[in-house]
Amino acid sequence: DYVRAAAAGSAKRQRKAADAEARAAAAGAELDATRREVQKDDTAAEDDKRAADRQILKNRGLTRERKKIDRNPRVKNREKFRRAVIKRKGQVREARAADASYGGETSGINQNV
C-alpha cells in the first residue's frame, strides 16, 4: 500500500514539475518576443529626444505637502478677509443709519445709573 501511494505521489510531483517547466518556457518565449518588439521600436526612435516629464520640469526637489487653500493666493486672501470681518464684528458695533428725528432711547433708560 505504502509503496503504491509513494509512487503515485512522486508521479504527481513529476507531472507538476513538467507542467511548470512548460509554462515557464512559454512565458519566456512571449517575453523574448515582446523584448524584440521593444528593441525594434527603440532603434527607430533612437535619434529622437525623450520629452521631460512634469517632475523634471518643476524641479522642486523635496517639498512639504501644502494645504489646498494655500495653493490659490486669491482664495486664501478672500478667506483671510472673511475671518477678519468676523473678528471685527466682535470688537465694533455696526453703525445704524438714522431713520428720522430723535425718537428717544430704543432700549429704554437705565434708572440705576
C-alpha atoms as a PDB file:
ATOM      1  CA  ASP A   1       0.000   0.000   0.000  1.00  0.00           C
ATOM      2  CA  TYR A   2       2.655   2.456   1.043  1.00  0.00           C
ATOM      3  CA  VAL A   3       4.791   1.746  -1.996  1.00  0.00           C
ATOM      4  CA  ARG A   4       1.872   2.411  -4.371  1.00  0.00           C
ATOM      5  CA  ALA A   5       0.947   5.675  -2.572  1.00  0.00           C
ATOM      6  CA  ALA A   6       4.562   6.863  -2.622  1.00  0.00           C
ATOM      7  CA  ALA A   7       4.862   6.033  -6.328  1.00  0.00           C
ATOM      8  CA  ALA A   8       1.616   7.906  -7.092  1.00  0.00           C
ATOM      9  CA  GLY A   9       2.834  10.947  -5.114  1.00  0.00           C
ATOM     10  CA  SER A  10       6.180  11.062  -6.887  1.00  0.00           C
ATOM     11  CA  ALA A  11       4.467  10.675 -10.280  1.00  0.00           C
ATOM     12  CA  LYS A  12       2.158  13.575  -9.425  1.00  0.00           C
ATOM     13  CA  ARG A  13       5.122  15.739  -8.379  1.00  0.00           C
ATOM     14  CA  GLN A  14       6.941  14.922 -11.608  1.00  0.00           C
ATOM     15  CA  ARG A  15       3.853  15.858 -13.676  1.00  0.00           C
ATOM     16  CA  LYS A  16       3.548  19.168 -11.797  1.00  0.00           C
ATOM     17  CA  ALA A  17       7.233  19.960 -12.331  1.00  0.00           C
ATOM     18  CA  ALA A  18       6.951  19.204 -16.069  1.00  0.00           C
ATOM     19  CA  ASP A  19       3.865  21.430 -16.372  1.00  0.00           C
ATOM     20  CA  ALA A  20       5.631  24.259 -14.533  1.00  0.00           C
ATOM     21  CA  GLU A  21       8.635  23.966 -16.858  1.00  0.00           C
ATOM     22  CA  ALA A  22       6.393  24.066 -19.918  1.00  0.00           C
ATOM     23  CA  ARG A  23       4.577  27.159 -18.590  1.00  0.00           C
ATOM     24  CA  ALA A  24       7.880  28.901 -17.805  1.00  0.00           C
ATOM     25  CA  ALA A  25       9.215  28.135 -21.292  1.00  0.00           C
ATOM     26  CA  ALA A  26       6.054  29.549 -22.892  1.00  0.00           C
ATOM     27  CA  ALA A  27       6.226  32.698 -20.753  1.00  0.00           C
ATOM     28  CA  GLY A  28       9.915  33.096 -21.612  1.00  0.00           C
ATOM     29  CA  ALA A  29       9.153  32.849 -25.320  1.00  0.00           C
ATOM     30  CA  GLU A  30       6.471  35.537 -25.015  1.00  0.00           C
ATOM     31  CA  LEU A  31       8.839  37.762 -23.049  1.00  0.00           C
ATOM     32  CA  ASP A  32      11.557  37.361 -25.677  1.00  0.00           C
ATOM     33  CA  ALA A  33       9.094  38.283 -28.420  1.00  0.00           C
ATOM     34  CA  THR A  34       7.985  41.455 -26.617  1.00  0.00           C
ATOM     35  CA  ARG A  35      11.612  42.397 -25.890  1.00  0.00           C
ATOM     36  CA  ARG A  36      12.442  42.076 -29.576  1.00  0.00           C
ATOM     37  CA  GLU A  37       9.498  44.340 -30.452  1.00  0.00           C
ATOM     38  CA  VAL A  38      10.552  46.925 -27.891  1.00  0.00           C
ATOM     39  CA  GLN A  39      14.139  46.878 -29.156  1.00  0.00           C
ATOM     40  CA  LYS A  40      12.862  47.390 -32.692  1.00  0.00           C
ATOM     41  CA  ASP A  41      10.869  50.443 -31.542  1.00  0.00           C
ATOM     42  CA  ASP A  42      13.835  51.830 -29.569  1.00  0.00           C
ATOM     43  CA  THR A  43      16.204  51.656 -32.517  1.00  0.00           C
ATOM     44  CA  ALA A  44      13.703  53.520 -34.696  1.00  0.00           C
ATOM     45  CA  ALA A  45      13.336  56.358 -32.170  1.00  0.00           C
ATOM     46  CA  GLU A  46      16.980  56.443 -31.072  1.00  0.00           C
ATOM     47  CA  ASP A  47      17.721  59.853 -32.592  1.00  0.00           C
ATOM     48  CA  ASP A  48      14.587  61.432 -31.093  1.00  0.00           C
ATOM     49  CA  LYS A  49      14.960  63.016 -27.653  1.00  0.00           C
ATOM     50  CA  ARG A  50      12.654  61.877 -24.905  1.00  0.00           C
ATOM     51  CA  ALA A  51      10.339  64.585 -23.571  1.00  0.00           C
ATOM     52  CA  ALA A  52      10.961  65.729 -19.993  1.00  0.00           C
ATOM     53  CA  ASP A  53       8.242  64.729 -17.565  1.00  0.00           C
ATOM     54  CA  ARG A  54       6.437  67.040 -15.147  1.00  0.00           C
ATOM     55  CA  GLN A  55       8.682  66.201 -12.196  1.00  0.00           C
ATOM     56  CA  ILE A  56      11.810  67.187 -14.108  1.00  0.00           C
ATOM     57  CA  LEU A  57      10.227  70.378 -15.435  1.00  0.00           C
ATOM     58  CA  LYS A  58       9.050  71.514 -11.998  1.00  0.00           C
ATOM     59  CA  ASN A  59      12.428  70.712 -10.346  1.00  0.00           C
ATOM     60  CA  ARG A  60      11.042  71.203  -6.848  1.00  0.00           C
ATOM     61  CA  GLY A  61      13.033  68.545  -5.028  1.00  0.00           C
ATOM     62  CA  LEU A  62      11.675  67.586  -1.613  1.00  0.00           C
ATOM     63  CA  THR A  63       8.919  69.997  -0.657  1.00  0.00           C
ATOM     64  CA  ARG A  64       6.339  69.659   2.066  1.00  0.00           C
ATOM     65  CA  GLU A  65       2.696  68.965   1.273  1.00  0.00           C
ATOM     66  CA  ARG A  66       0.656  72.180   1.430  1.00  0.00           C
ATOM     67  CA  LYS A  67      -2.998  72.777   2.276  1.00  0.00           C
ATOM     68  CA  LYS A  68      -5.416  73.163  -0.614  1.00  0.00           C
ATOM     69  CA  ILE A  69      -6.211  76.789   0.294  1.00  0.00           C
ATOM     70  CA  ASP A  70      -2.512  77.728   0.194  1.00  0.00           C
ATOM     71  CA  ARG A  71      -2.296  76.770  -3.469  1.00  0.00           C
ATOM     72  CA  ASN A  72      -4.511  79.669  -4.621  1.00  0.00           C
ATOM     73  CA  PRO A  73      -3.480  83.093  -3.220  1.00  0.00           C
ATOM     74  CA  ARG A  74      -6.677  84.853  -4.309  1.00  0.00           C
ATOM     75  CA  VAL A  75      -8.868  82.364  -2.451  1.00  0.00           C
ATOM     76  CA  LYS A  76      -6.569  82.443   0.588  1.00  0.00           C
ATOM     77  CA  ASN A  77      -6.781  86.244   0.845  1.00  0.00           C
ATOM     78  CA  ARG A  78     -10.548  86.163   0.394  1.00  0.00           C
ATOM     79  CA  GLU A  79     -10.824  83.687   3.281  1.00  0.00           C
ATOM     80  CA  LYS A  80      -8.443  85.833   5.366  1.00  0.00           C
ATOM     81  CA  PHE A  81     -10.665  88.870   4.785  1.00  0.00           C
ATOM     82  CA  ARG A  82     -13.796  86.906   5.703  1.00  0.00           C
ATOM     83  CA  ARG A  83     -12.204  85.855   9.004  1.00  0.00           C
ATOM     84  CA  ALA A  84     -11.018  89.437   9.706  1.00  0.00           C
ATOM     85  CA  VAL A  85     -14.569  90.765   9.196  1.00  0.00           C
ATOM     86  CA  ILE A  86     -15.918  88.184  11.656  1.00  0.00           C
ATOM     87  CA  LYS A  87     -13.290  89.209  14.257  1.00  0.00           C
ATOM     88  CA  ARG A  88     -14.067  92.905  13.780  1.00  0.00           C
ATOM     89  CA  LYS A  89     -17.779  92.329  14.311  1.00  0.00           C
ATOM     90  CA  GLY A  90     -16.917  91.145  17.815  1.00  0.00           C
ATOM     91  CA  GLN A  91     -14.962  94.328  18.585  1.00  0.00           C
ATOM     92  CA  VAL A  92     -17.062  97.076  16.971  1.00  0.00           C
ATOM     93  CA  ARG A  93     -20.801  97.571  16.845  1.00  0.00           C
ATOM     94  CA  GLU A  94     -22.377  98.019  13.460  1.00  0.00           C
ATOM     95  CA  ALA A  95     -23.441 101.632  12.765  1.00  0.00           C
ATOM     96  CA  ARG A  96     -27.151 102.115  12.195  1.00  0.00           C
ATOM     97  CA  ALA A  97     -28.479 104.780   9.835  1.00  0.00           C
ATOM     98  CA  ALA A  98     -30.732 107.443  11.391  1.00  0.00           C
ATOM     99  CA  ASP A  99     -34.273 106.948  10.091  1.00  0.00           C
ATOM    100  CA  ALA A 100     -35.912 110.126  11.289  1.00  0.00           C
ATOM    101  CA  SER A 101     -35.518 112.699  14.022  1.00  0.00           C
ATOM    102  CA  TYR A 102     -34.669 111.593  17.567  1.00  0.00           C
ATOM    103  CA  GLY A 103     -37.286 109.228  18.947  1.00  0.00           C
ATOM    104  CA  GLY A 104     -35.894 108.526  22.399  1.00  0.00           C
ATOM    105  CA  GLU A 105     -33.842 105.600  23.633  1.00  0.00           C
ATOM    106  CA  THR A 106     -34.893 102.426  21.879  1.00  0.00           C
ATOM    107  CA  SER A 107     -33.661 100.156  24.649  1.00  0.00           C
ATOM    108  CA  GLY A 108     -35.026 102.317  27.420  1.00  0.00           C
ATOM    109  CA  ILE A 109     -33.282 104.400  30.078  1.00  0.00           C
ATOM    110  CA  ASN A 110     -31.477 102.692  32.928  1.00  0.00           C
ATOM    111  CA  GLN A 111     -32.636 104.333  36.170  1.00  0.00           C
ATOM    112  CA  ASN A 112     -29.923 102.726  38.296  1.00  0.00           C
ATOM    113  CA  VAL A 113     -27.005 104.659  36.842  1.00  0.00           C
END
